PDB file of N, CA and C in Angstrom:
ATOM      1  N   MET A   1     -77.486 -17.773 168.499  1.00  0.00           N
ATOM      2  CA  MET A   1     -78.340 -17.908 169.648  1.00  0.00           C
ATOM      3  C   MET A   1     -77.978 -16.905 170.714  1.00  0.00           C
ATOM      4  N   GLY A   2     -76.754 -16.335 170.654  1.00  0.00           N
ATOM      5  CA  GLY A   2     -76.413 -15.253 171.518  1.00  0.00           C
ATOM      6  C   GLY A   2     -76.427 -15.507 172.963  1.00  0.00           C
ATOM      7  N   LYS A   3     -76.152 -16.692 173.425  1.00  0.00           N
ATOM      8  CA  LYS A   3     -76.197 -17.024 174.802  1.00  0.00           C
ATOM      9  C   LYS A   3     -75.158 -16.208 175.546  1.00  0.00           C
ATOM     10  N   GLY A   4     -75.541 -15.426 176.473  1.00  0.00           N
ATOM     11  CA  GLY A   4     -74.641 -14.636 177.280  1.00  0.00           C
ATOM     12  C   GLY A   4     -74.860 -13.135 177.261  1.00  0.00           C
ATOM     13  N   PRO A   5     -75.056 -12.500 176.091  1.00  0.00           N
ATOM     14  CA  PRO A   5     -75.278 -11.097 176.012  1.00  0.00           C
ATOM     15  C   PRO A   5     -76.482 -10.601 176.875  1.00  0.00           C
ATOM     16  N   LEU A   6     -77.554 -11.386 176.849  1.00  0.00           N
ATOM     17  CA  LEU A   6     -78.698 -11.052 177.634  1.00  0.00           C
ATOM     18  C   LEU A   6     -78.977 -12.146 178.663  1.00  0.00           C
ATOM     19  N   PRO A   7     -79.443 -11.741 179.845  1.00  0.00           N
ATOM     20  CA  PRO A   7     -79.830 -12.788 180.821  1.00  0.00           C
ATOM     21  C   PRO A   7     -80.992 -13.570 180.298  1.00  0.00           C
ATOM     22  N   ASP A   8     -81.135 -14.864 180.666  1.00  0.00           N
ATOM     23  CA  ASP A   8     -82.247 -15.688 180.252  1.00  0.00           C
ATOM     24  C   ASP A   8     -83.583 -15.075 180.571  1.00  0.00           C
ATOM     25  N   THR A   9     -83.639 -14.223 181.579  1.00  0.00           N
ATOM     26  CA  THR A   9     -84.921 -13.668 182.024  1.00  0.00           C
ATOM     27  C   THR A   9     -85.248 -12.382 181.258  1.00  0.00           C
ATOM     28  N   HIS A  10     -84.407 -11.904 180.423  1.00  0.00           N
ATOM     29  CA  HIS A  10     -84.646 -10.658 179.672  1.00  0.00           C
ATOM     30  C   HIS A  10     -85.757 -10.848 178.701  1.00  0.00           C
ATOM     31  N   GLU A  11     -86.596  -9.804 178.445  1.00  0.00           N
ATOM     32  CA  GLU A  11     -87.738 -10.010 177.554  1.00  0.00           C
ATOM     33  C   GLU A  11     -87.328 -10.280 176.115  1.00  0.00           C
ATOM     34  N   LEU A  12     -86.125  -9.919 175.712  1.00  0.00           N
ATOM     35  CA  LEU A  12     -85.621 -10.173 174.367  1.00  0.00           C
ATOM     36  C   LEU A  12     -84.872 -11.475 174.189  1.00  0.00           C
ATOM     37  N   ALA A  13     -84.640 -12.182 175.301  1.00  0.00           N
ATOM     38  CA  ALA A  13     -83.891 -13.460 175.231  1.00  0.00           C
ATOM     39  C   ALA A  13     -84.794 -14.540 174.649  1.00  0.00           C
ATOM     40  N   ALA A  14     -84.292 -15.252 173.666  1.00  0.00           N
ATOM     41  CA  ALA A  14     -85.151 -16.234 172.986  1.00  0.00           C
ATOM     42  C   ALA A  14     -84.530 -17.650 173.155  1.00  0.00           C
ATOM     43  N   THR A  15     -83.825 -17.865 174.220  1.00  0.00           N
ATOM     44  CA  THR A  15     -83.185 -19.135 174.354  1.00  0.00           C
ATOM     45  C   THR A  15     -84.169 -20.322 174.454  1.00  0.00           C
ATOM     46  N   LEU A  16     -85.284 -20.117 175.138  1.00  0.00           N
ATOM     47  CA  LEU A  16     -86.237 -21.221 175.264  1.00  0.00           C
ATOM     48  C   LEU A  16     -87.188 -21.258 174.076  1.00  0.00           C
ATOM     49  N   ALA A  17     -87.236 -20.162 173.318  1.00  0.00           N
ATOM     50  CA  ALA A  17     -88.189 -20.152 172.141  1.00  0.00           C
ATOM     51  C   ALA A  17     -87.438 -20.054 170.903  1.00  0.00           C
ATOM     52  N   ARG A  18     -86.235 -20.604 170.858  1.00  0.00           N
ATOM     53  CA  ARG A  18     -85.374 -20.512 169.648  1.00  0.00           C
ATOM     54  C   ARG A  18     -86.040 -20.996 168.416  1.00  0.00           C
ATOM     55  N   SER A  19     -86.697 -22.150 168.426  1.00  0.00           N
ATOM     56  CA  SER A  19     -87.297 -22.659 167.197  1.00  0.00           C
ATOM     57  C   SER A  19     -88.423 -21.743 166.730  1.00  0.00           C
ATOM     58  N   LEU A  20     -89.175 -21.194 167.597  1.00  0.00           N
ATOM     59  CA  LEU A  20     -90.220 -20.258 167.195  1.00  0.00           C
ATOM     60  C   LEU A  20     -89.601 -19.002 166.639  1.00  0.00           C
ATOM     61  N   ALA A  21     -88.577 -18.475 167.313  1.00  0.00           N
ATOM     62  CA  ALA A  21     -87.934 -17.251 166.877  1.00  0.00           C
ATOM     63  C   ALA A  21     -87.305 -17.404 165.441  1.00  0.00           C
ATOM     64  N   ILE A  22     -86.574 -18.515 165.236  1.00  0.00           N
ATOM     65  CA  ILE A  22     -85.860 -18.628 163.936  1.00  0.00           C
ATOM     66  C   ILE A  22     -86.870 -18.953 162.850  1.00  0.00           C
ATOM     67  N   GLY A  23     -87.996 -19.528 163.179  1.00  0.00           N
ATOM     68  CA  GLY A  23     -89.001 -19.836 162.158  1.00  0.00           C
ATOM     69  C   GLY A  23     -89.787 -18.630 161.654  1.00  0.00           C
ATOM     70  N   LYS A  24     -89.738 -17.497 162.475  1.00  0.00           N
ATOM     71  CA  LYS A  24     -90.509 -16.371 162.122  1.00  0.00           C
ATOM     72  C   LYS A  24     -89.701 -15.099 161.805  1.00  0.00           C
ATOM     73  N   CYS A  25     -88.378 -15.214 161.849  1.00  0.00           N
ATOM     74  CA  CYS A  25     -87.533 -14.028 161.637  1.00  0.00           C
ATOM     75  C   CYS A  25     -87.415 -13.695 160.114  1.00  0.00           C
ATOM     76  N   ASP A  26     -87.309 -12.397 159.776  1.00  0.00           N
ATOM     77  CA  ASP A  26     -87.092 -12.043 158.387  1.00  0.00           C
ATOM     78  C   ASP A  26     -85.617 -11.861 158.093  1.00  0.00           C
ATOM     79  N   VAL A  27     -84.795 -11.479 159.055  1.00  0.00           N
ATOM     80  CA  VAL A  27     -83.340 -11.291 158.893  1.00  0.00           C
ATOM     81  C   VAL A  27     -82.672 -11.952 160.059  1.00  0.00           C
ATOM     82  N   ALA A  28     -81.608 -12.692 159.796  1.00  0.00           N
ATOM     83  CA  ALA A  28     -80.816 -13.308 160.875  1.00  0.00           C
ATOM     84  C   ALA A  28     -79.413 -12.851 160.718  1.00  0.00           C
ATOM     85  N   LEU A  29     -78.843 -12.288 161.805  1.00  0.00           N
ATOM     86  CA  LEU A  29     -77.444 -11.888 161.880  1.00  0.00           C
ATOM     87  C   LEU A  29     -76.746 -12.975 162.559  1.00  0.00           C
ATOM     88  N   VAL A  30     -75.850 -13.707 161.860  1.00  0.00           N
ATOM     89  CA  VAL A  30     -75.116 -14.868 162.365  1.00  0.00           C
ATOM     90  C   VAL A  30     -73.654 -14.449 162.458  1.00  0.00           C
ATOM     91  N   VAL A  31     -73.174 -14.311 163.656  1.00  0.00           N
ATOM     92  CA  VAL A  31     -71.770 -13.819 163.919  1.00  0.00           C
ATOM     93  C   VAL A  31     -70.967 -15.000 164.419  1.00  0.00           C
ATOM     94  N   GLY A  32     -69.950 -15.400 163.635  1.00  0.00           N
ATOM     95  CA  GLY A  32     -69.002 -16.423 164.051  1.00  0.00           C
ATOM     96  C   GLY A  32     -69.511 -17.809 164.198  1.00  0.00           C
ATOM     97  N   ALA A  33     -70.698 -18.083 163.665  1.00  0.00           N
ATOM     98  CA  ALA A  33     -71.300 -19.424 163.770  1.00  0.00           C
ATOM     99  C   ALA A  33     -71.492 -20.013 162.381  1.00  0.00           C
ATOM    100  N   ARG A  34     -71.495 -21.281 162.295  1.00  0.00           N
ATOM    101  CA  ARG A  34     -71.708 -21.970 161.056  1.00  0.00           C
ATOM    102  C   ARG A  34     -73.209 -22.329 160.913  1.00  0.00           C
ATOM    103  N   LEU A  35     -73.719 -22.220 159.707  1.00  0.00           N
ATOM    104  CA  LEU A  35     -75.118 -22.649 159.482  1.00  0.00           C
ATOM    105  C   LEU A  35     -75.039 -24.173 159.161  1.00  0.00           C
ATOM    106  N   ASN A  36     -74.722 -24.892 160.227  1.00  0.00           N
ATOM    107  CA  ASN A  36     -74.654 -26.365 160.106  1.00  0.00           C
ATOM    108  C   ASN A  36     -75.860 -27.037 160.735  1.00  0.00           C
ATOM    109  N   TRP A  37     -75.736 -28.252 161.060  1.00  0.00           N
ATOM    110  CA  TRP A  37     -76.907 -29.016 161.683  1.00  0.00           C
ATOM    111  C   TRP A  37     -77.416 -28.378 162.972  1.00  0.00           C
ATOM    112  N   LEU A  38     -76.585 -27.654 163.708  1.00  0.00           N
ATOM    113  CA  LEU A  38     -77.034 -27.028 164.925  1.00  0.00           C
ATOM    114  C   LEU A  38     -78.001 -25.944 164.669  1.00  0.00           C
ATOM    115  N   LEU A  39     -77.862 -25.294 163.516  1.00  0.00           N
ATOM    116  CA  LEU A  39     -78.766 -24.243 163.103  1.00  0.00           C
ATOM    117  C   LEU A  39     -79.587 -24.647 161.916  1.00  0.00           C
ATOM    118  N   HIS A  40     -79.819 -25.935 161.766  1.00  0.00           N
ATOM    119  CA  HIS A  40     -80.664 -26.521 160.739  1.00  0.00           C
ATOM    120  C   HIS A  40     -80.266 -26.094 159.327  1.00  0.00           C
ATOM    121  N   PHE A  41     -78.961 -25.820 159.119  1.00  0.00           N
ATOM    122  CA  PHE A  41     -78.412 -25.373 157.837  1.00  0.00           C
ATOM    123  C   PHE A  41     -79.057 -24.141 157.235  1.00  0.00           C
ATOM    124  N   GLY A  42     -79.778 -23.395 158.116  1.00  0.00           N
ATOM    125  CA  GLY A  42     -80.453 -22.187 157.658  1.00  0.00           C
ATOM    126  C   GLY A  42     -81.586 -22.402 156.686  1.00  0.00           C
ATOM    127  N   GLU A  43     -82.162 -23.572 156.730  1.00  0.00           N
ATOM    128  CA  GLU A  43     -83.134 -23.918 155.713  1.00  0.00           C
ATOM    129  C   GLU A  43     -84.546 -24.261 156.328  1.00  0.00           C
ATOM    130  N   PRO A  44     -85.604 -24.080 155.496  1.00  0.00           N
ATOM    131  CA  PRO A  44     -86.949 -24.436 155.958  1.00  0.00           C
ATOM    132  C   PRO A  44     -86.956 -25.985 156.241  1.00  0.00           C
ATOM    133  N   PRO A  45     -87.809 -26.477 157.025  1.00  0.00           N
ATOM    134  CA  PRO A  45     -88.935 -25.765 157.639  1.00  0.00           C
ATOM    135  C   PRO A  45     -88.577 -25.075 158.974  1.00  0.00           C
ATOM    136  N   LYS A  46     -87.423 -25.283 159.516  1.00  0.00           N
ATOM    137  CA  LYS A  46     -87.076 -24.606 160.804  1.00  0.00           C
ATOM    138  C   LYS A  46     -86.961 -23.119 160.639  1.00  0.00           C
ATOM    139  N   TRP A  47     -86.363 -22.663 159.522  1.00  0.00           N
ATOM    140  CA  TRP A  47     -86.192 -21.269 159.185  1.00  0.00           C
ATOM    141  C   TRP A  47     -87.315 -20.859 158.215  1.00  0.00           C
ATOM    142  N   SER A  48     -87.658 -19.616 158.273  1.00  0.00           N
ATOM    143  CA  SER A  48     -88.648 -19.123 157.266  1.00  0.00           C
ATOM    144  C   SER A  48     -88.033 -19.205 155.867  1.00  0.00           C
ATOM    145  N   LYS A  49     -88.849 -19.533 154.877  1.00  0.00           N
ATOM    146  CA  LYS A  49     -88.320 -19.581 153.495  1.00  0.00           C
ATOM    147  C   LYS A  49     -87.884 -18.288 152.982  1.00  0.00           C
ATOM    148  N   ASP A  50     -88.287 -17.154 153.614  1.00  0.00           N
ATOM    149  CA  ASP A  50     -87.954 -15.831 153.171  1.00  0.00           C
ATOM    150  C   ASP A  50     -86.855 -15.130 154.001  1.00  0.00           C
ATOM    151  N   VAL A  51     -86.270 -15.833 154.922  1.00  0.00           N
ATOM    152  CA  VAL A  51     -85.206 -15.250 155.777  1.00  0.00           C
ATOM    153  C   VAL A  51     -84.041 -14.816 154.974  1.00  0.00           C
ATOM    154  N   LYS A  52     -83.477 -13.653 155.362  1.00  0.00           N
ATOM    155  CA  LYS A  52     -82.238 -13.167 154.714  1.00  0.00           C
ATOM    156  C   LYS A  52     -81.121 -13.297 155.800  1.00  0.00           C
ATOM    157  N   PHE A  53     -80.034 -13.880 155.386  1.00  0.00           N
ATOM    158  CA  PHE A  53     -78.961 -14.091 156.352  1.00  0.00           C
ATOM    159  C   PHE A  53     -77.868 -13.059 156.104  1.00  0.00           C
ATOM    160  N   ILE A  54     -77.393 -12.495 157.211  1.00  0.00           N
ATOM    161  CA  ILE A  54     -76.155 -11.687 157.262  1.00  0.00           C
ATOM    162  C   ILE A  54     -75.147 -12.516 157.992  1.00  0.00           C
ATOM    163  N   LEU A  55     -74.129 -12.959 157.353  1.00  0.00           N
ATOM    164  CA  LEU A  55     -73.096 -13.808 157.992  1.00  0.00           C
ATOM    165  C   LEU A  55     -71.835 -13.025 158.213  1.00  0.00           C
ATOM    166  N   VAL A  56     -71.327 -13.033 159.454  1.00  0.00           N
ATOM    167  CA  VAL A  56     -70.057 -12.444 159.803  1.00  0.00           C
ATOM    168  C   VAL A  56     -69.199 -13.532 160.271  1.00  0.00           C
ATOM    169  N   ASN A  57     -68.030 -13.757 159.545  1.00  0.00           N
ATOM    170  CA  ASN A  57     -67.168 -14.872 159.906  1.00  0.00           C
ATOM    171  C   ASN A  57     -65.727 -14.555 159.466  1.00  0.00           C
ATOM    172  N   VAL A  58     -64.769 -15.174 160.154  1.00  0.00           N
ATOM    173  CA  VAL A  58     -63.384 -14.951 159.781  1.00  0.00           C
ATOM    174  C   VAL A  58     -63.011 -15.781 158.564  1.00  0.00           C
ATOM    175  N   SER A  59     -63.897 -16.678 158.165  1.00  0.00           N
ATOM    176  CA  SER A  59     -63.611 -17.628 157.032  1.00  0.00           C
ATOM    177  C   SER A  59     -64.365 -17.181 155.825  1.00  0.00           C
ATOM    178  N   LYS A  60     -63.694 -16.717 154.801  1.00  0.00           N
ATOM    179  CA  LYS A  60     -64.335 -16.392 153.525  1.00  0.00           C
ATOM    180  C   LYS A  60     -65.037 -17.632 152.948  1.00  0.00           C
ATOM    181  N   GLU A  61     -64.401 -18.768 153.085  1.00  0.00           N
ATOM    182  CA  GLU A  61     -64.941 -20.031 152.541  1.00  0.00           C
ATOM    183  C   GLU A  61     -66.300 -20.409 153.184  1.00  0.00           C
ATOM    184  N   GLU A  62     -66.384 -20.142 154.474  1.00  0.00           N
ATOM    185  CA  GLU A  62     -67.704 -20.449 155.179  1.00  0.00           C
ATOM    186  C   GLU A  62     -68.832 -19.540 154.632  1.00  0.00           C
ATOM    187  N   ILE A  63     -68.470 -18.312 154.412  1.00  0.00           N
ATOM    188  CA  ILE A  63     -69.502 -17.404 153.818  1.00  0.00           C
ATOM    189  C   ILE A  63     -69.854 -17.789 152.411  1.00  0.00           C
ATOM    190  N   GLU A  64     -68.862 -18.104 151.607  1.00  0.00           N
ATOM    191  CA  GLU A  64     -69.120 -18.526 150.251  1.00  0.00           C
ATOM    192  C   GLU A  64     -69.936 -19.797 150.164  1.00  0.00           C
ATOM    193  N   LEU A  65     -69.738 -20.710 151.090  1.00  0.00           N
ATOM    194  CA  LEU A  65     -70.486 -21.996 151.198  1.00  0.00           C
ATOM    195  C   LEU A  65     -71.957 -21.760 151.284  1.00  0.00           C
ATOM    196  N   ARG A  66     -72.398 -20.797 152.050  1.00  0.00           N
ATOM    197  CA  ARG A  66     -73.783 -20.601 152.381  1.00  0.00           C
ATOM    198  C   ARG A  66     -74.478 -19.578 151.522  1.00  0.00           C
ATOM    199  N   LYS A  67     -73.770 -18.729 150.776  1.00  0.00           N
ATOM    200  CA  LYS A  67     -74.378 -17.755 149.914  1.00  0.00           C
ATOM    201  C   LYS A  67     -75.429 -16.854 150.602  1.00  0.00           C
ATOM    202  N   PRO A  68     -74.978 -16.093 151.645  1.00  0.00           N
ATOM    203  CA  PRO A  68     -75.937 -15.251 152.360  1.00  0.00           C
ATOM    204  C   PRO A  68     -76.376 -14.039 151.550  1.00  0.00           C
ATOM    205  N   HIS A  69     -77.375 -13.327 152.072  1.00  0.00           N
ATOM    206  CA  HIS A  69     -77.780 -12.109 151.453  1.00  0.00           C
ATOM    207  C   HIS A  69     -76.653 -11.089 151.585  1.00  0.00           C
ATOM    208  N   LEU A  70     -75.931 -11.125 152.700  1.00  0.00           N
ATOM    209  CA  LEU A  70     -74.760 -10.214 152.923  1.00  0.00           C
ATOM    210  C   LEU A  70     -73.732 -11.020 153.718  1.00  0.00           C
ATOM    211  N   GLY A  71     -72.524 -11.032 153.283  1.00  0.00           N
ATOM    212  CA  GLY A  71     -71.403 -11.683 153.972  1.00  0.00           C
ATOM    213  C   GLY A  71     -70.332 -10.715 154.310  1.00  0.00           C
ATOM    214  N   LEU A  72     -69.831 -10.786 155.546  1.00  0.00           N
ATOM    215  CA  LEU A  72     -68.733  -9.936 155.988  1.00  0.00           C
ATOM    216  C   LEU A  72     -67.630 -10.745 156.596  1.00  0.00           C
ATOM    217  N   VAL A  73     -66.397 -10.486 156.090  1.00  0.00           N
ATOM    218  CA  VAL A  73     -65.247 -11.251 156.591  1.00  0.00           C
ATOM    219  C   VAL A  73     -64.465 -10.307 157.522  1.00  0.00           C
TER     220      VAL A  73
END
């Protein structure tokens, strides 16, 4: 969700439209976060069925658990 890098008033900030944004994205870069219940496990219907995940995490196990399109440790 990237809270902090952009002010809430920035045109690219999606804090208030998170559900709309995650439902329509083709690629999601997830850095240091788990695809757990907070992110709807990265699954439809909240996420697009065609979304490709790029996961960046310090835990190899977390990446292996979710089977992203690309995983970086």
